[in-house]
Amino acid sequence: MTSRIVRLTGTDAVDHDHNNNGVASLERSCLEVIAILNERHEPVMAAQIVHWLRNCALAPSIMLALQRLEQKCLIRRDDTTVVHLTEAGNIAGANILRRRRLLERFLCDTLNVPWHEVYREAKQLEPLLSPVMEARIAEMTSHATACPYGNPIPGRSETSPDEQLLVTAPINGWFIISRIDEEAGEDSCALQFLWTRGLRPGTPLIRRPDAHDGMVVQRADRHVILSRRIGRFLWGRNKL
């Protein structure tokens, strides 16, 4: 299996400006998505990135952004079309996630931004965050190891290998939600649904037999019907 890496110098070197826009902004979005998908410990395909970013750019623009990331030695693509982060790309992607998740923690804990709105607000603010403000927010959230949705803050914690998705959990077994998949953040309605039904990190559930129109979970004495799409947003552990 061969890998393609093109090295550029001079004006083509990586731009670390936090206020990137245009193509550079899309490159940041691609790096962020790849870093998120890597947390699932699954191969990352270009088609997944295109699907994730479908609401902010057309497929040709996304593919061009991936090409530029490859030229800057932040990603590499092998003959199976799997996308890999290089060492530099892994650092850059983790830094984006760290900054945004610290912001999410700050917005939720300090500014009391509603839980289901935190992701969207942090997403807009992260590229504008200065090093001074980043350091201050990191200090103010020094106790936190995860964002309000339970996703690990890089450098402070990482995903657990024993997590599984609710859709794969055994019927009539206990399931404790550990985190909400990042993809749910792209859908504010999904986050609001989870919030209003009390389906947040730390919540214990029992998965019941599926109904004809979706999955059924029991939280305390209440039964909740979820679509399988929502079920794929919930990561957790079986309660022994």
Protein backbone atom coordinates (compact mmCIF):
# COMPACT_ATOMS: atom_id res chain seq x y z
CA MET A 1 0.00 0.00 0.00
CA THR A 2 1.48 3.33 -1.03
CA SER A 3 0.97 6.78 0.46
CA ARG A 4 1.16 10.13 -1.30
CA ILE A 5 2.74 13.10 0.49
CA VAL A 6 3.78 16.25 -1.34
CA ARG A 7 6.05 18.66 0.55
CA LEU A 8 5.85 22.38 -0.14
CA THR A 9 7.88 25.27 1.23
CA GLY A 10 7.82 29.04 1.34
CA THR A 11 4.42 30.61 0.74
CA ASP A 12 2.82 27.17 0.66
CA ALA A 13 3.74 26.39 4.27
CA VAL A 14 0.99 25.81 6.83
CA ASP A 15 -0.86 28.98 7.80
CA HIS A 16 -1.49 29.08 11.54
CA ASP A 17 -3.60 32.25 11.46
CA HIS A 18 -6.65 31.71 13.71
CA ASN A 19 -8.69 34.10 11.55
CA ASN A 20 -8.42 32.07 8.37
CA ASN A 21 -11.29 32.40 5.94
CA GLY A 22 -12.27 31.11 2.51
CA VAL A 23 -10.48 27.89 1.61
CA ALA A 24 -8.31 28.04 4.74
CA SER A 25 -11.45 28.03 6.89
CA LEU A 26 -12.71 24.96 5.06
CA GLU A 27 -9.35 23.29 5.59
CA ARG A 28 -9.75 23.84 9.34
CA SER A 29 -13.22 22.31 9.17
CA CYS A 30 -11.84 19.26 7.36
CA LEU A 31 -9.09 18.83 9.97
CA GLU A 32 -11.64 19.08 12.75
CA VAL A 33 -13.93 16.48 11.18
CA ILE A 34 -11.06 14.04 10.59
CA ALA A 35 -9.96 14.44 14.22
CA ILE A 36 -13.53 13.77 15.39
CA LEU A 37 -13.91 10.70 13.19
CA ASN A 38 -10.57 9.39 14.46
CA GLU A 39 -12.08 9.33 17.95
CA ARG A 40 -14.40 6.60 16.69
CA HIS A 41 -11.34 4.46 15.89
CA GLU A 42 -12.67 3.78 12.41
CA PRO A 43 -11.13 4.36 8.95
CA VAL A 44 -11.86 7.89 7.74
CA MET A 45 -13.08 8.13 4.16
CA ALA A 46 -13.25 11.29 2.06
CA ALA A 47 -16.96 10.60 1.47
CA GLN A 48 -17.59 10.84 5.23
CA ILE A 49 -15.95 14.27 5.35
CA VAL A 50 -17.98 15.46 2.38
CA HIS A 51 -21.19 14.22 4.02
CA TRP A 52 -20.36 15.88 7.35
CA LEU A 53 -19.62 19.25 5.74
CA ARG A 54 -22.43 19.11 3.19
CA ASN A 55 -24.23 22.09 4.74
CA CYS A 56 -21.25 24.44 4.56
CA ALA A 57 -19.55 23.59 1.25
CA LEU A 58 -20.00 21.70 -2.01
CA ALA A 59 -18.18 18.43 -2.56
CA PRO A 60 -15.64 19.85 -5.09
CA SER A 61 -14.63 22.57 -2.62
CA ILE A 62 -14.20 20.02 0.16
CA MET A 63 -12.07 17.80 -2.07
CA LEU A 64 -9.93 20.82 -2.98
CA ALA A 65 -9.48 21.61 0.71
CA LEU A 66 -8.37 18.02 1.34
CA GLN A 67 -5.92 18.31 -1.54
CA ARG A 68 -4.42 21.45 0.00
CA LEU A 69 -4.16 19.75 3.40
CA GLU A 70 -2.28 16.93 1.70
CA GLN A 71 0.06 19.41 0.03
CA LYS A 72 0.73 21.00 3.42
CA CYS A 73 1.61 17.56 4.86
CA LEU A 74 -1.27 17.62 7.34
CA ILE A 75 -3.01 14.56 5.87
CA ARG A 76 -2.13 11.67 3.59
CA ARG A 77 -4.39 9.45 1.51
CA ASP A 78 -3.51 5.89 0.65
CA ASP A 79 -4.61 3.75 -2.26
CA THR A 80 -7.79 2.71 -0.44
CA THR A 81 -8.88 6.39 -0.25
CA VAL A 82 -8.60 6.31 3.54
CA VAL A 83 -7.58 9.69 4.95
CA HIS A 84 -4.91 9.75 7.66
CA LEU A 85 -3.67 12.65 9.76
CA THR A 86 0.09 13.10 9.73
CA GLU A 87 1.85 13.91 13.00
CA ALA A 88 1.51 17.63 12.29
CA GLY A 89 -2.11 17.17 11.23
CA ASN A 90 -2.92 15.25 14.38
CA ILE A 91 -1.52 18.09 16.50
CA ALA A 92 -3.45 20.69 14.51
CA GLY A 93 -6.72 18.75 14.63
CA ALA A 94 -6.41 18.06 18.37
CA ASN A 95 -5.73 21.75 18.98
CA ILE A 96 -8.94 22.75 17.19
CA LEU A 97 -10.95 20.23 19.24
CA ARG A 98 -9.28 21.33 22.46
CA ARG A 99 -10.03 25.00 21.88
CA ARG A 100 -13.66 24.39 20.97
CA ARG A 101 -14.35 21.97 23.81
CA LEU A 102 -12.76 24.35 26.32
CA LEU A 103 -15.03 27.06 24.94
CA GLU A 104 -18.06 24.78 25.27
CA ARG A 105 -17.18 24.16 28.91
CA PHE A 106 -16.71 27.89 29.56
CA LEU A 107 -19.93 28.89 27.81
CA CYS A 108 -21.94 26.27 29.67
CA ASP A 109 -20.42 26.56 33.16
CA THR A 110 -19.57 30.26 33.35
CA LEU A 111 -21.91 32.04 30.95
CA ASN A 112 -24.84 29.63 31.41
CA VAL A 113 -25.46 29.27 27.69
CA PRO A 114 -28.18 26.61 27.21
CA TRP A 115 -26.73 23.13 26.81
CA HIS A 116 -28.21 22.55 23.37
CA GLU A 117 -26.81 25.88 22.06
CA VAL A 118 -23.26 25.55 23.36
CA TYR A 119 -21.87 23.58 20.40
CA ARG A 120 -23.08 26.08 17.81
CA GLU A 121 -21.77 29.10 19.73
CA ALA A 122 -18.36 27.53 20.40
CA LYS A 123 -18.06 26.50 16.76
CA GLN A 124 -18.40 30.12 15.68
CA LEU A 125 -16.04 31.48 18.34
CA GLU A 126 -13.20 28.95 18.15
CA PRO A 127 -11.43 30.33 15.04
CA LEU A 128 -11.47 33.82 16.62
CA LEU A 129 -10.05 32.78 19.99
CA SER A 130 -6.74 34.53 20.70
CA PRO A 131 -3.90 32.77 22.55
CA VAL A 132 -4.44 35.08 25.54
CA MET A 133 -8.14 34.25 25.78
CA GLU A 134 -7.46 30.55 25.17
CA ALA A 135 -5.04 30.49 28.11
CA ARG A 136 -7.52 32.34 30.33
CA ILE A 137 -10.40 30.01 29.43
CA ALA A 138 -8.16 26.98 29.95
CA GLU A 139 -7.35 28.28 33.43
CA MET A 140 -11.00 28.93 34.27
CA THR A 141 -11.95 25.41 33.14
CA SER A 142 -8.92 23.64 34.63
CA HIS A 143 -11.19 21.16 36.44
CA ALA A 144 -12.83 19.92 33.24
CA THR A 145 -11.71 16.81 31.37
CA ALA A 146 -14.62 16.74 28.91
CA CYS A 147 -16.98 19.15 27.17
CA PRO A 148 -20.64 19.39 28.31
CA TYR A 149 -21.48 16.61 25.85
CA GLY A 150 -18.95 14.27 27.46
CA ASN A 151 -16.39 14.36 24.63
CA PRO A 152 -12.79 14.39 25.92
CA ILE A 153 -10.72 17.57 25.93
CA PRO A 154 -7.45 16.66 24.15
CA GLY A 155 -4.54 16.75 26.54
CA ARG A 156 -6.80 16.12 29.53
CA SER A 157 -8.61 12.88 28.68
CA GLU A 158 -9.43 10.57 25.79
CA THR A 159 -12.24 8.32 24.65
CA SER A 160 -12.63 4.99 26.44
CA PRO A 161 -12.07 1.80 24.42
CA ASP A 162 -15.01 0.07 26.13
CA GLU A 163 -17.62 2.55 24.88
CA GLN A 164 -20.29 1.43 22.45
CA LEU A 165 -23.21 3.02 20.66
CA LEU A 166 -26.70 2.66 22.04
CA VAL A 167 -27.83 1.01 18.79
CA THR A 168 -25.46 -1.89 19.55
CA ALA A 169 -26.35 -2.22 23.26
CA PRO A 170 -28.16 -5.40 24.36
CA ILE A 171 -31.93 -5.35 24.79
CA ASN A 172 -33.11 -5.08 28.43
CA GLY A 173 -29.59 -4.24 29.54
CA TRP A 174 -28.44 -1.20 31.46
CA PHE A 175 -26.62 1.48 29.47
CA ILE A 176 -25.00 4.59 30.97
CA ILE A 177 -24.56 7.48 28.52
CA SER A 178 -20.94 8.64 28.53
CA ARG A 179 -20.97 11.15 25.68
CA ILE A 180 -22.95 12.58 22.79
CA ASP A 181 -21.38 12.08 19.39
CA GLU A 182 -20.04 15.29 17.84
CA GLU A 183 -22.26 14.78 14.81
CA ALA A 184 -25.28 15.60 16.97
CA GLY A 185 -23.86 19.08 17.44
CA GLU A 186 -24.47 19.80 13.77
CA ASP A 187 -28.19 19.36 14.44
CA SER A 188 -29.48 21.73 17.14
CA CYS A 189 -32.87 19.97 17.02
CA ALA A 190 -31.21 16.67 17.95
CA LEU A 191 -29.46 18.28 20.92
CA GLN A 192 -32.67 19.91 22.06
CA PHE A 193 -34.47 16.56 21.80
CA LEU A 194 -31.82 14.93 23.99
CA TRP A 195 -31.91 17.79 26.48
CA THR A 196 -35.69 17.86 26.92
CA ARG A 197 -35.78 14.09 27.46
CA GLY A 198 -32.94 14.09 29.95
CA LEU A 199 -30.61 12.03 27.75
CA ARG A 200 -27.27 13.53 28.76
CA PRO A 201 -23.87 12.17 29.86
CA GLY A 202 -24.17 10.22 33.10
CA THR A 203 -27.80 9.21 32.51
CA PRO A 204 -28.54 5.49 33.14
CA LEU A 205 -30.96 3.81 30.73
CA ILE A 206 -32.43 0.43 29.99
CA ARG A 207 -32.76 -0.38 26.32
CA ARG A 208 -36.13 -1.99 25.71
CA PRO A 209 -37.32 -3.94 22.62
CA ASP A 210 -37.59 -1.66 19.60
CA ALA A 211 -40.93 -0.22 18.56
CA HIS A 212 -42.03 -0.23 14.91
CA ASP A 213 -41.17 3.48 14.66
CA GLY A 214 -37.82 3.51 16.48
CA MET A 215 -35.76 2.47 19.48
CA VAL A 216 -37.21 2.45 23.01
CA VAL A 217 -35.25 3.33 26.14
CA GLN A 218 -36.40 3.55 29.73
CA ARG A 219 -35.11 6.43 31.85
CA ALA A 220 -36.30 6.09 35.43
CA ASP A 221 -40.03 5.38 35.04
CA ARG A 222 -40.34 7.02 31.62
CA HIS A 223 -40.16 5.34 28.22
CA VAL A 224 -38.69 7.36 25.36
CA ILE A 225 -38.83 6.50 21.66
CA LEU A 226 -35.74 7.44 19.66
CA SER A 227 -35.02 7.25 15.98
CA ARG A 228 -32.09 5.01 15.12
CA ARG A 229 -30.30 8.15 13.94
CA ILE A 230 -30.50 9.60 17.45
CA GLY A 231 -29.46 6.23 18.84
CA ARG A 232 -26.24 6.51 16.86
CA PHE A 233 -25.41 9.76 18.67
CA LEU A 234 -25.32 8.14 22.12
CA TRP A 235 -22.11 6.51 23.34
CA GLY A 236 -21.97 4.70 26.66
CA ARG A 237 -21.10 1.64 28.68
CA ASN A 238 -23.05 -1.36 29.82
CA LYS A 239 -23.82 -1.30 33.53
CA LEU A 240 -22.81 -4.57 35.14
